[in-house]
PDB file of N, CA and C in Angstrom:
ATOM      1  N   MET A   1      97.477 -49.295 -39.918  1.00  0.00           N
ATOM      2  CA  MET A   1      98.687 -50.006 -40.328  1.00  0.00           C
ATOM      3  C   MET A   1      99.416 -50.649 -39.201  1.00  0.00           C
ATOM      4  N   THR A   2      99.500 -51.891 -39.154  1.00  0.00           N
ATOM      5  CA  THR A   2     100.082 -52.707 -38.117  1.00  0.00           C
ATOM      6  C   THR A   2     101.570 -52.883 -38.265  1.00  0.00           C
ATOM      7  N   HIS A   3     102.495 -52.749 -37.137  1.00  0.00           N
ATOM      8  CA  HIS A   3     103.695 -52.916 -37.193  1.00  0.00           C
ATOM      9  C   HIS A   3     104.169 -53.862 -36.052  1.00  0.00           C
ATOM     10  N   ASP A   4     105.337 -54.344 -36.090  1.00  0.00           N
ATOM     11  CA  ASP A   4     105.945 -55.034 -34.967  1.00  0.00           C
ATOM     12  C   ASP A   4     106.258 -53.867 -34.071  1.00  0.00           C
ATOM     13  N   PRO A   5     106.011 -54.156 -32.704  1.00  0.00           N
ATOM     14  CA  PRO A   5     106.338 -53.197 -31.767  1.00  0.00           C
ATOM     15  C   PRO A   5     107.915 -52.734 -31.769  1.00  0.00           C
ATOM     16  N   PHE A   6     108.882 -53.550 -32.109  1.00  0.00           N
ATOM     17  CA  PHE A   6     110.164 -53.366 -32.181  1.00  0.00           C
ATOM     18  C   PHE A   6     110.608 -52.671 -33.461  1.00  0.00           C
ATOM     19  N   ASP A   7     109.760 -52.386 -34.271  1.00  0.00           N
ATOM     20  CA  ASP A   7     109.886 -51.684 -35.651  1.00  0.00           C
ATOM     21  C   ASP A   7     109.573 -50.174 -35.164  1.00  0.00           C
ATOM     22  N   ILE A   8     108.746 -49.832 -34.133  1.00  0.00           N
ATOM     23  CA  ILE A   8     108.470 -48.624 -33.715  1.00  0.00           C
ATOM     24  C   ILE A   8     109.273 -48.090 -32.699  1.00  0.00           C
ATOM     25  N   LEU A   9     109.691 -48.749 -31.709  1.00  0.00           N
ATOM     26  CA  LEU A   9     110.665 -48.378 -30.527  1.00  0.00           C
ATOM     27  C   LEU A   9     112.083 -48.786 -31.060  1.00  0.00           C
ATOM     28  N   VAL A  10     112.757 -47.811 -31.418  1.00  0.00           N
ATOM     29  CA  VAL A  10     114.121 -48.035 -31.991  1.00  0.00           C
ATOM     30  C   VAL A  10     114.967 -48.206 -30.806  1.00  0.00           C
ATOM     31  N   LYS A  11     115.030 -47.459 -29.629  1.00  0.00           N
ATOM     32  CA  LYS A  11     115.792 -47.768 -28.533  1.00  0.00           C
ATOM     33  C   LYS A  11     115.535 -46.763 -27.317  1.00  0.00           C
ATOM     34  N   PRO A  12     115.904 -47.333 -26.079  1.00  0.00           N
ATOM     35  CA  PRO A  12     115.480 -46.357 -25.075  1.00  0.00           C
ATOM     36  C   PRO A  12     116.569 -45.307 -24.810  1.00  0.00           C
ATOM     37  N   LEU A  13     116.034 -44.143 -24.285  1.00  0.00           N
ATOM     38  CA  LEU A  13     116.795 -43.082 -24.039  1.00  0.00           C
ATOM     39  C   LEU A  13     117.150 -42.968 -22.605  1.00  0.00           C
ATOM     40  N   LEU A  14     118.354 -42.704 -22.250  1.00  0.00           N
ATOM     41  CA  LEU A  14     118.801 -42.822 -20.715  1.00  0.00           C
ATOM     42  C   LEU A  14     119.637 -41.635 -20.685  1.00  0.00           C
ATOM     43  N   THR A  15     119.062 -40.475 -20.061  1.00  0.00           N
ATOM     44  CA  THR A  15     119.983 -39.229 -19.563  1.00  0.00           C
ATOM     45  C   THR A  15     119.664 -39.018 -18.363  1.00  0.00           C
ATOM     46  N   GLU A  16     120.347 -37.916 -17.685  1.00  0.00           N
ATOM     47  CA  GLU A  16     120.175 -37.565 -16.405  1.00  0.00           C
ATOM     48  C   GLU A  16     118.620 -37.051 -16.193  1.00  0.00           C
ATOM     49  N   LYS A  17     118.227 -36.357 -16.976  1.00  0.00           N
ATOM     50  CA  LYS A  17     117.067 -35.659 -17.079  1.00  0.00           C
ATOM     51  C   LYS A  17     115.814 -36.808 -17.143  1.00  0.00           C
ATOM     52  N   ILE A  18     115.987 -37.665 -17.933  1.00  0.00           N
ATOM     53  CA  ILE A  18     115.054 -38.795 -18.127  1.00  0.00           C
ATOM     54  C   ILE A  18     114.952 -39.590 -16.823  1.00  0.00           C
ATOM     55  N   THR A  19     116.102 -39.837 -16.326  1.00  0.00           N
ATOM     56  CA  THR A  19     116.259 -40.785 -14.963  1.00  0.00           C
ATOM     57  C   THR A  19     115.689 -40.002 -13.912  1.00  0.00           C
ATOM     58  N   GLY A  20     115.661 -38.623 -13.907  1.00  0.00           N
ATOM     59  CA  GLY A  20     115.018 -37.939 -12.691  1.00  0.00           C
ATOM     60  C   GLY A  20     113.396 -37.919 -12.969  1.00  0.00           C
ATOM     61  N   MET A  21     112.987 -37.858 -14.302  1.00  0.00           N
ATOM     62  CA  MET A  21     111.536 -38.059 -14.752  1.00  0.00           C
ATOM     63  C   MET A  21     111.098 -39.320 -14.370  1.00  0.00           C
ATOM     64  N   GLN A  22     111.843 -40.462 -14.538  1.00  0.00           N
ATOM     65  CA  GLN A  22     111.564 -41.697 -14.125  1.00  0.00           C
ATOM     66  C   GLN A  22     111.247 -41.877 -12.633  1.00  0.00           C
ATOM     67  N   GLU A  23     112.072 -41.412 -11.842  1.00  0.00           N
ATOM     68  CA  GLU A  23     111.929 -41.555 -10.394  1.00  0.00           C
ATOM     69  C   GLU A  23     110.785 -40.594  -9.873  1.00  0.00           C
ATOM     70  N   GLN A  24     110.614 -39.363 -10.345  1.00  0.00           N
ATOM     71  CA  GLN A  24     109.595 -38.481  -9.774  1.00  0.00           C
ATOM     72  C   GLN A  24     108.299 -38.709 -10.516  1.00  0.00           C
ATOM     73  N   ALA A  25     108.290 -38.925 -11.658  1.00  0.00           N
ATOM     74  CA  ALA A  25     106.756 -38.817 -12.267  1.00  0.00           C
ATOM     75  C   ALA A  25     106.450 -40.092 -13.204  1.00  0.00           C
ATOM     76  N   ASN A  26     107.319 -41.179 -12.895  1.00  0.00           N
ATOM     77  CA  ASN A  26     107.105 -42.585 -13.491  1.00  0.00           C
ATOM     78  C   ASN A  26     106.985 -42.537 -15.220  1.00  0.00           C
ATOM     79  N   ARG A  27     108.115 -41.618 -15.739  1.00  0.00           N
ATOM     80  CA  ARG A  27     107.964 -41.520 -17.097  1.00  0.00           C
ATOM     81  C   ARG A  27     109.315 -42.185 -17.666  1.00  0.00           C
ATOM     82  N   VAL A  28     109.267 -42.632 -18.792  1.00  0.00           N
ATOM     83  CA  VAL A  28     110.299 -43.370 -19.657  1.00  0.00           C
ATOM     84  C   VAL A  28     110.367 -42.601 -20.852  1.00  0.00           C
ATOM     85  N   ALA A  29     111.607 -42.700 -21.634  1.00  0.00           N
ATOM     86  CA  ALA A  29     111.767 -42.225 -22.979  1.00  0.00           C
ATOM     87  C   ALA A  29     112.275 -43.094 -23.941  1.00  0.00           C
ATOM     88  N   PHE A  30     111.928 -43.082 -25.214  1.00  0.00           N
ATOM     89  CA  PHE A  30     112.438 -43.759 -26.324  1.00  0.00           C
ATOM     90  C   PHE A  30     112.684 -42.999 -27.549  1.00  0.00           C
ATOM     91  N   VAL A  31     113.662 -43.496 -28.302  1.00  0.00           N
ATOM     92  CA  VAL A  31     113.679 -43.057 -29.714  1.00  0.00           C
ATOM     93  C   VAL A  31     112.779 -43.792 -30.442  1.00  0.00           C
ATOM     94  N   VAL A  32     111.958 -43.282 -31.180  1.00  0.00           N
ATOM     95  CA  VAL A  32     110.977 -43.997 -31.904  1.00  0.00           C
ATOM     96  C   VAL A  32     111.134 -43.753 -33.584  1.00  0.00           C
ATOM     97  N   ARG A  33     110.462 -44.675 -34.282  1.00  0.00           N
ATOM     98  CA  ARG A  33     110.459 -44.343 -35.747  1.00  0.00           C
ATOM     99  C   ARG A  33     110.008 -42.999 -36.167  1.00  0.00           C
ATOM    100  N   SER A  34     110.530 -42.415 -37.118  1.00  0.00           N
ATOM    101  CA  SER A  34     110.057 -40.987 -37.398  1.00  0.00           C
ATOM    102  C   SER A  34     108.629 -40.846 -38.074  1.00  0.00           C
ATOM    103  N   THR A  35     107.978 -41.879 -38.478  1.00  0.00           N
ATOM    104  CA  THR A  35     106.607 -41.831 -38.789  1.00  0.00           C
ATOM    105  C   THR A  35     105.650 -42.234 -37.776  1.00  0.00           C
ATOM    106  N   ALA A  36     106.030 -42.665 -36.687  1.00  0.00           N
ATOM    107  CA  ALA A  36     105.272 -43.221 -35.802  1.00  0.00           C
ATOM    108  C   ALA A  36     104.329 -41.995 -34.863  1.00  0.00           C
ATOM    109  N   ASN A  37     103.173 -42.535 -34.607  1.00  0.00           N
ATOM    110  CA  ASN A  37     102.259 -41.512 -33.996  1.00  0.00           C
ATOM    111  C   ASN A  37     102.075 -41.960 -32.464  1.00  0.00           C
ATOM    112  N   ARG A  38     101.251 -41.199 -31.779  1.00  0.00           N
ATOM    113  CA  ARG A  38     101.015 -41.591 -30.259  1.00  0.00           C
ATOM    114  C   ARG A  38     100.219 -42.729 -30.175  1.00  0.00           C
ATOM    115  N   ILE A  39      99.364 -43.176 -30.950  1.00  0.00           N
ATOM    116  CA  ILE A  39      98.637 -44.333 -30.867  1.00  0.00           C
ATOM    117  C   ILE A  39      99.585 -45.543 -30.923  1.00  0.00           C
ATOM    118  N   GLU A  40     100.365 -45.547 -31.996  1.00  0.00           N
ATOM    119  CA  GLU A  40     101.278 -46.619 -32.435  1.00  0.00           C
ATOM    120  C   GLU A  40     102.284 -46.753 -31.285  1.00  0.00           C
ATOM    121  N   VAL A  41     102.753 -45.685 -30.847  1.00  0.00           N
ATOM    122  CA  VAL A  41     103.859 -45.770 -29.661  1.00  0.00           C
ATOM    123  C   VAL A  41     103.241 -46.464 -28.531  1.00  0.00           C
ATOM    124  N   ARG A  42     101.914 -46.005 -28.060  1.00  0.00           N
ATOM    125  CA  ARG A  42     101.306 -46.561 -26.889  1.00  0.00           C
ATOM    126  C   ARG A  42     101.163 -47.998 -27.075  1.00  0.00           C
ATOM    127  N   ARG A  43     100.645 -48.412 -28.159  1.00  0.00           N
ATOM    128  CA  ARG A  43     100.490 -49.918 -28.322  1.00  0.00           C
ATOM    129  C   ARG A  43     101.897 -50.764 -28.470  1.00  0.00           C
ATOM    130  N   ALA A  44     102.699 -50.141 -29.026  1.00  0.00           N
ATOM    131  CA  ALA A  44     104.060 -50.808 -29.034  1.00  0.00           C
ATOM    132  C   ALA A  44     104.637 -51.034 -27.599  1.00  0.00           C
ATOM    133  N   VAL A  45     104.657 -49.906 -26.666  1.00  0.00           N
ATOM    134  CA  VAL A  45     105.036 -49.993 -25.479  1.00  0.00           C
ATOM    135  C   VAL A  45     104.259 -51.082 -24.627  1.00  0.00           C
ATOM    136  N   GLU A  46     102.900 -50.949 -24.755  1.00  0.00           N
ATOM    137  CA  GLU A  46     102.163 -52.004 -24.026  1.00  0.00           C
ATOM    138  C   GLU A  46     102.430 -53.432 -24.412  1.00  0.00           C
ATOM    139  N   ALA A  47     102.580 -53.538 -25.845  1.00  0.00           N
ATOM    140  CA  ALA A  47     102.770 -55.004 -26.483  1.00  0.00           C
ATOM    141  C   ALA A  47     104.165 -55.497 -26.088  1.00  0.00           C
ATOM    142  N   ALA A  48     105.250 -54.768 -26.099  1.00  0.00           N
ATOM    143  CA  ALA A  48     106.593 -54.961 -26.020  1.00  0.00           C
ATOM    144  C   ALA A  48     107.102 -55.112 -24.554  1.00  0.00           C
ATOM    145  N   LEU A  49     106.610 -54.257 -23.717  1.00  0.00           N
ATOM    146  CA  LEU A  49     107.201 -54.393 -22.311  1.00  0.00           C
ATOM    147  C   LEU A  49     106.168 -54.625 -21.294  1.00  0.00           C
ATOM    148  N   LYS A  50     104.882 -54.984 -21.773  1.00  0.00           N
ATOM    149  CA  LYS A  50     103.900 -55.326 -20.726  1.00  0.00           C
ATOM    150  C   LYS A  50     103.623 -54.586 -19.535  1.00  0.00           C
ATOM    151  N   VAL A  51     103.364 -53.340 -19.890  1.00  0.00           N
ATOM    152  CA  VAL A  51     102.946 -52.129 -18.945  1.00  0.00           C
ATOM    153  C   VAL A  51     101.911 -51.517 -19.327  1.00  0.00           C
ATOM    154  N   LYS A  52     101.053 -50.746 -18.426  1.00  0.00           N
ATOM    155  CA  LYS A  52      99.969 -49.887 -18.872  1.00  0.00           C
ATOM    156  C   LYS A  52     100.484 -48.406 -19.060  1.00  0.00           C
ATOM    157  N   VAL A  53     100.200 -47.906 -20.180  1.00  0.00           N
ATOM    158  CA  VAL A  53     100.531 -46.661 -20.555  1.00  0.00           C
ATOM    159  C   VAL A  53      99.315 -45.515 -20.162  1.00  0.00           C
ATOM    160  N   LYS A  54      99.806 -44.608 -19.513  1.00  0.00           N
ATOM    161  CA  LYS A  54      98.756 -43.492 -19.153  1.00  0.00           C
ATOM    162  C   LYS A  54      98.750 -42.403 -20.195  1.00  0.00           C
ATOM    163  N   SER A  55      99.900 -42.010 -20.747  1.00  0.00           N
ATOM    164  CA  SER A  55      99.826 -40.965 -21.815  1.00  0.00           C
ATOM    165  C   SER A  55     101.262 -41.051 -22.575  1.00  0.00           C
ATOM    166  N   VAL A  56     101.261 -40.463 -23.760  1.00  0.00           N
ATOM    167  CA  VAL A  56     102.447 -40.468 -24.608  1.00  0.00           C
ATOM    168  C   VAL A  56     102.627 -38.957 -25.074  1.00  0.00           C
ATOM    169  N   ASN A  57     103.698 -38.419 -24.937  1.00  0.00           N
ATOM    170  CA  ASN A  57     104.243 -37.164 -25.654  1.00  0.00           C
ATOM    171  C   ASN A  57     105.166 -37.449 -26.582  1.00  0.00           C
ATOM    172  N   ILE A  58     105.129 -36.885 -27.707  1.00  0.00           N
ATOM    173  CA  ILE A  58     106.009 -37.024 -28.887  1.00  0.00           C
ATOM    174  C   ILE A  58     106.484 -35.761 -29.344  1.00  0.00           C
ATOM    175  N   MET A  59     107.835 -35.725 -29.789  1.00  0.00           N
ATOM    176  CA  MET A  59     108.595 -34.612 -30.189  1.00  0.00           C
ATOM    177  C   MET A  59     109.425 -34.828 -31.225  1.00  0.00           C
ATOM    178  N   THR A  60     109.678 -33.926 -32.095  1.00  0.00           N
ATOM    179  CA  THR A  60     110.820 -34.216 -33.307  1.00  0.00           C
ATOM    180  C   THR A  60     112.036 -33.441 -32.929  1.00  0.00           C
ATOM    181  N   VAL A  61     113.034 -33.970 -32.774  1.00  0.00           N
ATOM    182  CA  VAL A  61     114.324 -33.416 -32.487  1.00  0.00           C
ATOM    183  C   VAL A  61     115.167 -33.045 -33.791  1.00  0.00           C
ATOM    184  N   ALA A  62     115.401 -31.828 -33.851  1.00  0.00           N
ATOM    185  CA  ALA A  62     116.199 -31.493 -35.122  1.00  0.00           C
ATOM    186  C   ALA A  62     117.742 -31.949 -34.962  1.00  0.00           C
ATOM    187  N   GLY A  63     118.089 -32.317 -36.056  1.00  0.00           N
ATOM    188  CA  GLY A  63     119.442 -32.953 -36.311  1.00  0.00           C
ATOM    189  C   GLY A  63     120.518 -31.562 -36.095  1.00  0.00           C
ATOM    190  N   LYS A  64     121.736 -31.788 -35.532  1.00  0.00           N
ATOM    191  CA  LYS A  64     122.627 -30.757 -35.456  1.00  0.00           C
ATOM    192  C   LYS A  64     123.619 -30.719 -36.723  1.00  0.00           C
ATOM    193  N   TRP A  65     123.896 -29.449 -36.871  1.00  0.00           N
ATOM    194  CA  TRP A  65     124.915 -29.277 -38.005  1.00  0.00           C
ATOM    195  C   TRP A  65     126.183 -29.427 -37.438  1.00  0.00           C
ATOM    196  N   LYS A  66     126.945 -30.103 -38.317  1.00  0.00           N
ATOM    197  CA  LYS A  66     128.409 -30.578 -37.889  1.00  0.00           C
ATOM    198  C   LYS A  66     129.416 -30.194 -38.987  1.00  0.00           C
ATOM    199  N   ARG A  67     130.677 -30.048 -38.606  1.00  0.00           N
ATOM    200  CA  ARG A  67     131.609 -29.673 -39.682  1.00  0.00           C
ATOM    201  C   ARG A  67     132.819 -30.783 -39.503  1.00  0.00           C
ATOM    202  N   GLN A  68     133.330 -31.077 -40.636  1.00  0.00           N
ATOM    203  CA  GLN A  68     134.602 -31.738 -40.605  1.00  0.00           C
ATOM    204  C   GLN A  68     135.606 -31.025 -41.390  1.00  0.00           C
ATOM    205  N   GLY A  69     136.424 -30.202 -40.921  1.00  0.00           N
ATOM    206  CA  GLY A  69     137.208 -29.420 -41.717  1.00  0.00           C
ATOM    207  C   GLY A  69     136.352 -28.352 -42.342  1.00  0.00           C
ATOM    208  N   ARG A  70     136.558 -28.334 -43.939  1.00  0.00           N
ATOM    209  CA  ARG A  70     135.664 -27.355 -44.482  1.00  0.00           C
ATOM    210  C   ARG A  70     134.463 -27.995 -45.038  1.00  0.00           C
ATOM    211  N   PHE A  71     134.021 -29.137 -44.710  1.00  0.00           N
ATOM    212  CA  PHE A  71     132.782 -29.756 -45.153  1.00  0.00           C
ATOM    213  C   PHE A  71     131.667 -29.676 -44.094  1.00  0.00           C
ATOM    214  N   LEU A  72     130.502 -29.177 -44.459  1.00  0.00           N
ATOM    215  CA  LEU A  72     129.423 -29.077 -43.498  1.00  0.00           C
ATOM    216  C   LEU A  72     128.382 -30.209 -43.896  1.00  0.00           C
ATOM    217  N   GLY A  73     127.952 -30.688 -42.701  1.00  0.00           N
ATOM    218  CA  GLY A  73     126.795 -31.770 -42.849  1.00  0.00           C
ATOM    219  C   GLY A  73     125.850 -31.599 -41.791  1.00  0.00           C
ATOM    220  N   LYS A  74     124.704 -32.194 -41.904  1.00  0.00           N
ATOM    221  CA  LYS A  74     123.705 -32.233 -40.870  1.00  0.00           C
ATOM    222  C   LYS A  74     123.380 -33.682 -40.430  1.00  0.00           C
ATOM    223  N   ARG A  75     123.235 -33.812 -39.109  1.00  0.00           N
ATOM    224  CA  ARG A  75     122.854 -35.153 -38.599  1.00  0.00           C
ATOM    225  C   ARG A  75     121.235 -35.416 -38.861  1.00  0.00           C
ATOM    226  N   PRO A  76     120.772 -36.342 -38.941  1.00  0.00           N
ATOM    227  CA  PRO A  76     119.295 -36.587 -39.186  1.00  0.00           C
ATOM    228  C   PRO A  76     118.444 -36.179 -38.027  1.00  0.00           C
ATOM    229  N   ASP A  77     117.147 -35.718 -38.516  1.00  0.00           N
ATOM    230  CA  ASP A  77     116.269 -35.463 -37.503  1.00  0.00           C
ATOM    231  C   ASP A  77     115.714 -36.956 -36.642  1.00  0.00           C
ATOM    232  N   TRP A  78     115.287 -36.781 -35.558  1.00  0.00           N
ATOM    233  CA  TRP A  78     114.736 -37.934 -34.907  1.00  0.00           C
ATOM    234  C   TRP A  78     113.750 -37.772 -33.986  1.00  0.00           C
ATOM    235  N   LYS A  79     112.829 -38.730 -33.734  1.00  0.00           N
ATOM    236  CA  LYS A  79     111.775 -38.432 -32.993  1.00  0.00           C
ATOM    237  C   LYS A  79     111.830 -39.121 -31.561  1.00  0.00           C
ATOM    238  N   LYS A  80     111.415 -38.380 -30.513  1.00  0.00           N
ATOM    239  CA  LYS A  80     111.435 -38.834 -29.219  1.00  0.00           C
ATOM    240  C   LYS A  80     110.036 -38.964 -28.546  1.00  0.00           C
ATOM    241  N   ALA A  81     109.795 -40.020 -27.858  1.00  0.00           N
ATOM    242  CA  ALA A  81     108.625 -40.271 -27.142  1.00  0.00           C
ATOM    243  C   ALA A  81     108.771 -40.427 -25.747  1.00  0.00           C
ATOM    244  N   ILE A  82     108.057 -39.640 -24.938  1.00  0.00           N
ATOM    245  CA  ILE A  82     108.038 -39.595 -23.579  1.00  0.00           C
ATOM    246  C   ILE A  82     106.733 -40.271 -22.932  1.00  0.00           C
ATOM    247  N   VAL A  83     106.844 -41.560 -22.400  1.00  0.00           N
ATOM    248  CA  VAL A  83     105.785 -42.388 -21.931  1.00  0.00           C
ATOM    249  C   VAL A  83     105.317 -42.237 -20.506  1.00  0.00           C
ATOM    250  N   THR A  84     104.244 -41.790 -20.153  1.00  0.00           N
ATOM    251  CA  THR A  84     103.943 -41.892 -18.672  1.00  0.00           C
ATOM    252  C   THR A  84     103.201 -43.221 -18.452  1.00  0.00           C
ATOM    253  N   LEU A  85     103.745 -43.790 -17.389  1.00  0.00           N
ATOM    254  CA  LEU A  85     103.082 -45.131 -16.949  1.00  0.00           C
ATOM    255  C   LEU A  85     102.118 -44.886 -16.031  1.00  0.00           C
ATOM    256  N   HIS A  86     101.065 -45.906 -15.849  1.00  0.00           N
ATOM    257  CA  HIS A  86     100.224 -45.803 -14.718  1.00  0.00           C
ATOM    258  C   HIS A  86     100.837 -45.944 -13.376  1.00  0.00           C
ATOM    259  N   GLU A  87     100.177 -45.551 -12.158  1.00  0.00           N
ATOM    260  CA  GLU A  87     100.906 -45.753 -10.866  1.00  0.00           C
ATOM    261  C   GLU A  87     101.010 -47.270 -10.759  1.00  0.00           C
ATOM    262  N   GLY A  88     101.989 -47.643 -10.036  1.00  0.00           N
ATOM    263  CA  GLY A  88     102.270 -49.062  -9.693  1.00  0.00           C
ATOM    264  C   GLY A  88     103.052 -49.797 -10.870  1.00  0.00           C
ATOM    265  N   GLU A  89     103.069 -49.206 -12.103  1.00  0.00           N
ATOM    266  CA  GLU A  89     103.826 -49.778 -13.164  1.00  0.00           C
ATOM    267  C   GLU A  89     105.249 -49.471 -13.028  1.00  0.00           C
ATOM    268  N   LYS A  90     106.024 -50.451 -13.399  1.00  0.00           N
ATOM    269  CA  LYS A  90     107.534 -50.312 -13.477  1.00  0.00           C
ATOM    270  C   LYS A  90     108.178 -51.069 -14.614  1.00  0.00           C
ATOM    271  N   LEU A  91     109.248 -50.371 -15.099  1.00  0.00           N
ATOM    272  CA  LEU A  91     109.991 -50.993 -16.096  1.00  0.00           C
ATOM    273  C   LEU A  91     111.330 -51.599 -15.565  1.00  0.00           C
ATOM    274  N   GLU A  92     111.758 -52.856 -15.760  1.00  0.00           N
ATOM    275  CA  GLU A  92     113.021 -53.394 -15.352  1.00  0.00           C
ATOM    276  C   GLU A  92     114.069 -53.071 -16.383  1.00  0.00           C
ATOM    277  N   LEU A  93     113.739 -52.320 -17.420  1.00  0.00           N
ATOM    278  CA  LEU A  93     114.567 -52.068 -18.426  1.00  0.00           C
ATOM    279  C   LEU A  93     115.633 -51.064 -17.793  1.00  0.00           C
ATOM    280  N   TYR A  94     115.482 -50.068 -17.103  1.00  0.00           N
ATOM    281  CA  TYR A  94     116.309 -49.164 -16.587  1.00  0.00           C
ATOM    282  C   TYR A  94     116.916 -49.486 -15.231  1.00  0.00           C
ATOM    283  N   GLU A  95     116.574 -50.540 -14.748  1.00  0.00           N
ATOM    284  CA  GLU A  95     117.136 -51.049 -13.349  1.00  0.00           C
ATOM    285  C   GLU A  95     118.547 -51.465 -13.666  1.00  0.00           C
ATOM    286  N   SER A  96     119.404 -51.183 -12.744  1.00  0.00           N
ATOM    287  CA  SER A  96     120.953 -51.666 -12.766  1.00  0.00           C
ATOM    288  C   SER A  96     120.988 -52.860 -11.851  1.00  0.00           C
ATOM    289  N   ALA A  97     122.036 -53.517 -12.172  1.00  0.00           N
ATOM    290  CA  ALA A  97     122.369 -54.989 -11.522  1.00  0.00           C
ATOM    291  C   ALA A  97     122.933 -54.792 -10.299  1.00  0.00           C
TER     292      ALA A  97
END
């Protein structure tokens, strides 16, 4: 099943932990579509961002339970992909001006 790369990659993740992983291990993270698998994520990153991908790790993050007064609700579950890039590859996506 073929998809547009931007249908699979929802948005980049930028946290302190991921910034440290990017500097030390050349890894970046994305929120991906909940039905995406490793192969689709690899192809989407390589097509959209023009970099070589070494490996892809995917995990499903459980949504948190939240309250608003006496009402209880749950945020949706989402999927996170941590992508390891080959040596020498760099993403300008995370660089600041």
